N, C-alpha and C. Protein backbone atom coordinates (compact mmCIF):
# COMPACT_ATOMS: atom_id res chain seq x y z
N UNK A 1 49.76 25.78 -27.16
CA UNK A 1 49.67 24.34 -27.10
C UNK A 1 49.42 23.94 -25.66
N UNK A 2 48.66 22.89 -25.49
CA UNK A 2 48.29 22.41 -24.17
C UNK A 2 49.41 21.52 -23.63
N UNK A 3 49.91 21.84 -22.44
CA UNK A 3 51.02 21.08 -21.86
C UNK A 3 50.54 19.99 -20.89
N UNK A 4 49.26 19.75 -20.82
CA UNK A 4 48.75 18.74 -19.89
C UNK A 4 49.12 17.34 -20.36
N UNK A 5 49.12 16.42 -19.39
CA UNK A 5 49.41 15.03 -19.70
C UNK A 5 48.13 14.38 -20.22
N UNK A 6 48.11 13.94 -21.42
CA UNK A 6 46.93 13.36 -22.05
C UNK A 6 46.96 11.84 -22.07
N UNK A 7 47.72 11.23 -21.18
CA UNK A 7 47.83 9.77 -21.20
C UNK A 7 46.50 9.11 -20.82
N UNK A 8 45.72 9.74 -19.92
CA UNK A 8 44.42 9.19 -19.54
C UNK A 8 43.47 9.16 -20.71
N UNK A 9 43.46 10.22 -21.49
CA UNK A 9 42.60 10.29 -22.66
C UNK A 9 43.04 9.29 -23.73
N UNK A 10 44.35 9.12 -23.86
CA UNK A 10 44.87 8.14 -24.83
C UNK A 10 44.47 6.73 -24.45
N UNK A 11 44.59 6.40 -23.16
CA UNK A 11 44.22 5.05 -22.70
C UNK A 11 42.73 4.83 -22.91
N UNK A 12 41.93 5.81 -22.58
CA UNK A 12 40.48 5.69 -22.77
C UNK A 12 40.15 5.46 -24.24
N UNK A 13 40.79 6.18 -25.12
CA UNK A 13 40.54 6.05 -26.56
C UNK A 13 40.92 4.65 -27.05
N UNK A 14 42.06 4.15 -26.58
CA UNK A 14 42.50 2.81 -26.98
C UNK A 14 41.54 1.75 -26.46
N UNK A 15 41.09 1.89 -25.20
CA UNK A 15 40.16 0.91 -24.62
C UNK A 15 38.83 0.91 -25.38
N UNK A 16 38.33 2.07 -25.75
CA UNK A 16 37.08 2.14 -26.51
C UNK A 16 37.22 1.48 -27.87
N UNK A 17 38.35 1.66 -28.52
CA UNK A 17 38.58 1.03 -29.82
C UNK A 17 38.67 -0.48 -29.69
N UNK A 18 39.32 -0.97 -28.63
CA UNK A 18 39.50 -2.41 -28.44
C UNK A 18 38.19 -3.11 -28.06
N UNK A 19 37.36 -2.43 -27.29
CA UNK A 19 36.14 -3.07 -26.79
C UNK A 19 34.91 -2.76 -27.63
N UNK A 20 35.09 -2.14 -28.74
CA UNK A 20 33.96 -1.74 -29.58
C UNK A 20 33.20 -2.94 -30.13
N UNK A 21 33.87 -4.02 -30.44
CA UNK A 21 33.23 -5.18 -31.06
C UNK A 21 32.82 -6.26 -30.07
N UNK A 22 33.00 -6.05 -28.77
CA UNK A 22 32.66 -7.07 -27.78
C UNK A 22 31.15 -7.06 -27.54
N UNK A 23 30.57 -8.25 -27.55
CA UNK A 23 29.15 -8.42 -27.29
C UNK A 23 29.01 -9.33 -26.07
N UNK A 24 28.28 -8.88 -25.07
CA UNK A 24 28.07 -9.67 -23.85
C UNK A 24 26.78 -10.47 -23.97
N UNK A 25 26.78 -11.64 -23.37
CA UNK A 25 25.56 -12.45 -23.36
C UNK A 25 24.56 -11.84 -22.37
N UNK A 26 23.32 -12.27 -22.49
CA UNK A 26 22.27 -11.75 -21.60
C UNK A 26 22.56 -12.15 -20.16
N UNK A 27 23.10 -13.33 -19.93
CA UNK A 27 23.43 -13.78 -18.58
C UNK A 27 24.52 -12.89 -17.97
N UNK A 28 25.52 -12.52 -18.78
CA UNK A 28 26.59 -11.66 -18.28
C UNK A 28 26.05 -10.26 -17.96
N UNK A 29 25.17 -9.74 -18.82
CA UNK A 29 24.57 -8.43 -18.55
C UNK A 29 23.73 -8.46 -17.28
N UNK A 30 22.94 -9.52 -17.11
CA UNK A 30 22.13 -9.64 -15.91
C UNK A 30 23.00 -9.74 -14.66
N UNK A 31 24.09 -10.47 -14.77
CA UNK A 31 25.01 -10.62 -13.64
C UNK A 31 25.62 -9.27 -13.26
N UNK A 32 26.04 -8.50 -14.25
CA UNK A 32 26.64 -7.18 -13.98
C UNK A 32 25.60 -6.25 -13.35
N UNK A 33 24.38 -6.26 -13.89
CA UNK A 33 23.34 -5.37 -13.37
C UNK A 33 22.90 -5.75 -11.97
N UNK A 34 22.89 -7.05 -11.67
CA UNK A 34 22.47 -7.49 -10.34
C UNK A 34 23.51 -7.18 -9.26
N UNK A 35 24.78 -7.17 -9.64
CA UNK A 35 25.84 -6.95 -8.65
C UNK A 35 26.19 -5.49 -8.41
N UNK A 36 25.72 -4.61 -9.26
CA UNK A 36 26.07 -3.20 -9.07
C UNK A 36 25.22 -2.60 -7.95
N UNK A 37 25.71 -1.52 -7.37
CA UNK A 37 24.98 -0.84 -6.31
C UNK A 37 23.84 -0.03 -6.91
N UNK A 38 22.69 -0.12 -6.28
CA UNK A 38 21.53 0.60 -6.78
C UNK A 38 21.45 1.95 -6.08
N UNK A 39 21.01 2.94 -6.84
CA UNK A 39 20.85 4.27 -6.27
C UNK A 39 19.55 4.33 -5.47
N UNK A 40 19.40 5.36 -4.68
CA UNK A 40 18.20 5.52 -3.87
C UNK A 40 16.97 5.64 -4.75
N UNK A 41 17.11 6.33 -5.87
CA UNK A 41 15.98 6.48 -6.79
C UNK A 41 15.53 5.13 -7.34
N UNK A 42 16.49 4.27 -7.69
CA UNK A 42 16.15 2.94 -8.20
C UNK A 42 15.49 2.09 -7.13
N UNK A 43 15.96 2.19 -5.89
CA UNK A 43 15.36 1.43 -4.80
C UNK A 43 13.92 1.86 -4.56
N UNK A 44 13.68 3.17 -4.60
CA UNK A 44 12.31 3.68 -4.41
C UNK A 44 11.41 3.23 -5.55
N UNK A 45 11.92 3.29 -6.79
CA UNK A 45 11.13 2.85 -7.94
C UNK A 45 10.80 1.37 -7.86
N UNK A 46 11.75 0.55 -7.42
CA UNK A 46 11.48 -0.89 -7.28
C UNK A 46 10.40 -1.13 -6.23
N UNK A 47 10.47 -0.37 -5.13
CA UNK A 47 9.47 -0.54 -4.08
C UNK A 47 8.09 -0.11 -4.56
N UNK A 48 8.01 1.00 -5.28
CA UNK A 48 6.72 1.51 -5.73
C UNK A 48 6.14 0.70 -6.87
N UNK A 49 6.97 0.00 -7.64
CA UNK A 49 6.48 -0.76 -8.78
C UNK A 49 6.14 -2.21 -8.46
N UNK A 50 6.15 -2.58 -7.19
CA UNK A 50 5.80 -3.95 -6.83
C UNK A 50 4.30 -4.17 -6.99
N UNK A 51 3.94 -5.34 -7.43
CA UNK A 51 2.54 -5.70 -7.56
C UNK A 51 2.03 -6.12 -6.19
N UNK A 52 0.85 -5.66 -5.86
CA UNK A 52 0.23 -6.05 -4.61
C UNK A 52 -0.92 -6.98 -4.95
N UNK A 53 -0.85 -8.19 -4.44
CA UNK A 53 -1.90 -9.16 -4.70
C UNK A 53 -2.70 -9.34 -3.42
N UNK A 54 -3.98 -9.02 -3.52
CA UNK A 54 -4.88 -9.15 -2.38
C UNK A 54 -5.93 -10.20 -2.73
N UNK A 55 -6.08 -11.21 -1.87
CA UNK A 55 -7.11 -12.22 -2.15
C UNK A 55 -8.50 -11.59 -2.15
N UNK A 56 -9.34 -12.04 -3.05
CA UNK A 56 -10.65 -11.43 -3.25
C UNK A 56 -11.62 -11.73 -2.11
N UNK A 57 -11.59 -12.94 -1.58
CA UNK A 57 -12.55 -13.32 -0.53
C UNK A 57 -12.41 -12.44 0.72
N UNK A 58 -11.21 -12.23 1.29
CA UNK A 58 -11.13 -11.37 2.47
C UNK A 58 -11.54 -9.93 2.19
N UNK A 59 -11.30 -9.44 0.98
CA UNK A 59 -11.70 -8.07 0.64
C UNK A 59 -13.22 -7.95 0.63
N UNK A 60 -13.88 -8.92 0.04
CA UNK A 60 -15.35 -8.91 -0.01
C UNK A 60 -15.92 -9.00 1.40
N UNK A 61 -15.37 -9.88 2.22
CA UNK A 61 -15.83 -10.02 3.61
C UNK A 61 -15.60 -8.73 4.39
N UNK A 62 -14.46 -8.11 4.19
CA UNK A 62 -14.17 -6.85 4.88
C UNK A 62 -15.13 -5.75 4.48
N UNK A 63 -15.39 -5.60 3.18
CA UNK A 63 -16.34 -4.57 2.74
C UNK A 63 -17.75 -4.87 3.24
N UNK A 64 -18.14 -6.14 3.25
CA UNK A 64 -19.47 -6.49 3.76
C UNK A 64 -19.57 -6.16 5.25
N UNK A 65 -18.53 -6.46 6.01
CA UNK A 65 -18.54 -6.16 7.44
C UNK A 65 -18.61 -4.65 7.66
N UNK A 66 -17.85 -3.90 6.91
CA UNK A 66 -17.88 -2.44 7.03
C UNK A 66 -19.26 -1.89 6.66
N UNK A 67 -19.88 -2.46 5.63
CA UNK A 67 -21.21 -2.05 5.20
C UNK A 67 -22.24 -2.32 6.30
N UNK A 68 -22.15 -3.49 6.91
CA UNK A 68 -23.09 -3.87 7.97
C UNK A 68 -22.91 -2.97 9.18
N UNK A 69 -21.68 -2.72 9.56
CA UNK A 69 -21.41 -1.91 10.75
C UNK A 69 -21.89 -0.47 10.56
N UNK A 70 -21.78 0.06 9.35
CA UNK A 70 -22.19 1.44 9.13
C UNK A 70 -23.71 1.58 8.99
N UNK A 71 -24.40 0.54 8.53
CA UNK A 71 -25.84 0.66 8.32
C UNK A 71 -26.67 0.31 9.55
N UNK A 72 -26.23 -0.65 10.35
CA UNK A 72 -27.01 -1.06 11.52
C UNK A 72 -26.67 -0.14 12.68
N UNK A 73 -27.66 0.43 13.33
CA UNK A 73 -27.38 1.32 14.46
C UNK A 73 -26.75 0.55 15.62
N UNK A 74 -25.97 1.25 16.41
CA UNK A 74 -25.26 0.61 17.52
C UNK A 74 -26.18 0.11 18.60
N UNK A 75 -27.35 0.71 18.75
CA UNK A 75 -28.26 0.28 19.81
C UNK A 75 -28.95 -1.04 19.48
N UNK A 76 -28.85 -1.52 18.25
CA UNK A 76 -29.50 -2.77 17.87
C UNK A 76 -28.85 -3.98 18.54
N UNK A 77 -27.59 -3.86 18.91
CA UNK A 77 -26.88 -4.99 19.50
C UNK A 77 -26.92 -5.00 21.02
N UNK A 78 -27.44 -3.94 21.62
CA UNK A 78 -27.48 -3.85 23.07
C UNK A 78 -28.72 -4.55 23.60
N UNK A 79 -28.55 -5.32 24.64
CA UNK A 79 -29.68 -5.94 25.32
C UNK A 79 -30.13 -4.97 26.40
N UNK A 80 -31.34 -4.47 26.25
CA UNK A 80 -31.83 -3.48 27.20
C UNK A 80 -33.15 -3.96 27.79
N UNK A 81 -33.29 -3.71 29.05
CA UNK A 81 -34.57 -3.97 29.70
C UNK A 81 -35.41 -2.71 29.59
N UNK A 82 -36.53 -2.83 28.95
CA UNK A 82 -37.41 -1.69 28.74
C UNK A 82 -38.71 -1.89 29.51
N UNK A 83 -39.23 -0.79 29.95
CA UNK A 83 -40.55 -0.80 30.59
C UNK A 83 -41.35 0.31 29.95
N UNK A 84 -42.50 -0.05 29.38
CA UNK A 84 -43.35 0.93 28.70
C UNK A 84 -44.52 1.26 29.63
N UNK A 85 -44.66 2.54 29.89
CA UNK A 85 -45.74 3.01 30.77
C UNK A 85 -46.69 3.85 29.92
N UNK A 86 -47.98 3.42 29.91
CA UNK A 86 -49.00 4.16 29.18
C UNK A 86 -49.61 5.21 30.10
N UNK A 87 -49.53 6.46 29.69
CA UNK A 87 -50.14 7.55 30.44
C UNK A 87 -51.04 8.31 29.48
N UNK A 88 -52.31 8.13 29.65
CA UNK A 88 -53.26 8.80 28.75
C UNK A 88 -53.07 8.30 27.34
N UNK A 89 -52.82 9.20 26.41
CA UNK A 89 -52.64 8.84 25.01
C UNK A 89 -51.18 8.73 24.61
N UNK A 90 -50.26 8.82 25.57
CA UNK A 90 -48.84 8.76 25.24
C UNK A 90 -48.17 7.63 25.99
N UNK A 91 -46.96 7.32 25.57
CA UNK A 91 -46.19 6.25 26.20
C UNK A 91 -44.86 6.81 26.67
N UNK A 92 -44.43 6.31 27.81
CA UNK A 92 -43.11 6.66 28.33
C UNK A 92 -42.31 5.36 28.37
N UNK A 93 -41.14 5.37 27.76
CA UNK A 93 -40.28 4.19 27.73
C UNK A 93 -39.13 4.41 28.70
N UNK A 94 -38.98 3.50 29.64
CA UNK A 94 -37.92 3.60 30.63
C UNK A 94 -36.95 2.44 30.38
N UNK A 95 -35.67 2.79 30.19
CA UNK A 95 -34.64 1.79 29.94
C UNK A 95 -33.60 1.83 31.04
N UNK A 96 -32.84 0.77 31.16
CA UNK A 96 -31.78 0.73 32.17
C UNK A 96 -30.68 1.74 31.92
N UNK A 97 -30.46 2.09 30.66
CA UNK A 97 -29.38 3.00 30.33
C UNK A 97 -29.74 4.46 30.59
N UNK A 98 -30.87 4.70 31.24
CA UNK A 98 -31.32 6.03 31.62
C UNK A 98 -31.62 6.91 30.41
N UNK A 99 -31.96 6.32 29.28
CA UNK A 99 -32.35 7.09 28.11
C UNK A 99 -33.86 7.01 27.96
N UNK A 100 -34.44 8.10 27.56
CA UNK A 100 -35.89 8.16 27.34
C UNK A 100 -36.11 8.52 25.88
N UNK A 101 -36.99 7.77 25.22
CA UNK A 101 -37.30 8.09 23.84
C UNK A 101 -38.79 7.94 23.61
N UNK A 102 -39.30 8.61 22.61
CA UNK A 102 -40.71 8.52 22.27
C UNK A 102 -40.93 7.40 21.27
N UNK A 103 -42.03 6.71 21.42
CA UNK A 103 -42.31 5.63 20.49
C UNK A 103 -43.37 6.00 19.52
């Protein structure tokens, strides 16, 4: 026979029998759930499940700007002084930036 004190189990059994028919309202359930401490897993899930709302106009403008920047070469925006020298059948282009290119 078990000689342990079973008073804890007896109290638990009595409490379960007494509270078996109790029904809580939705407001009471929400209140209990809101006041309890949340675990780290629940906090991470709440953070990851948030909806992100991004306005459409800035997104379109951003993609258009990115598209323009990637397609237009960087030298198109530079103001350069060029001098074209014709030598025989070829041309030599002299720019201030010390770059030489064939035309």
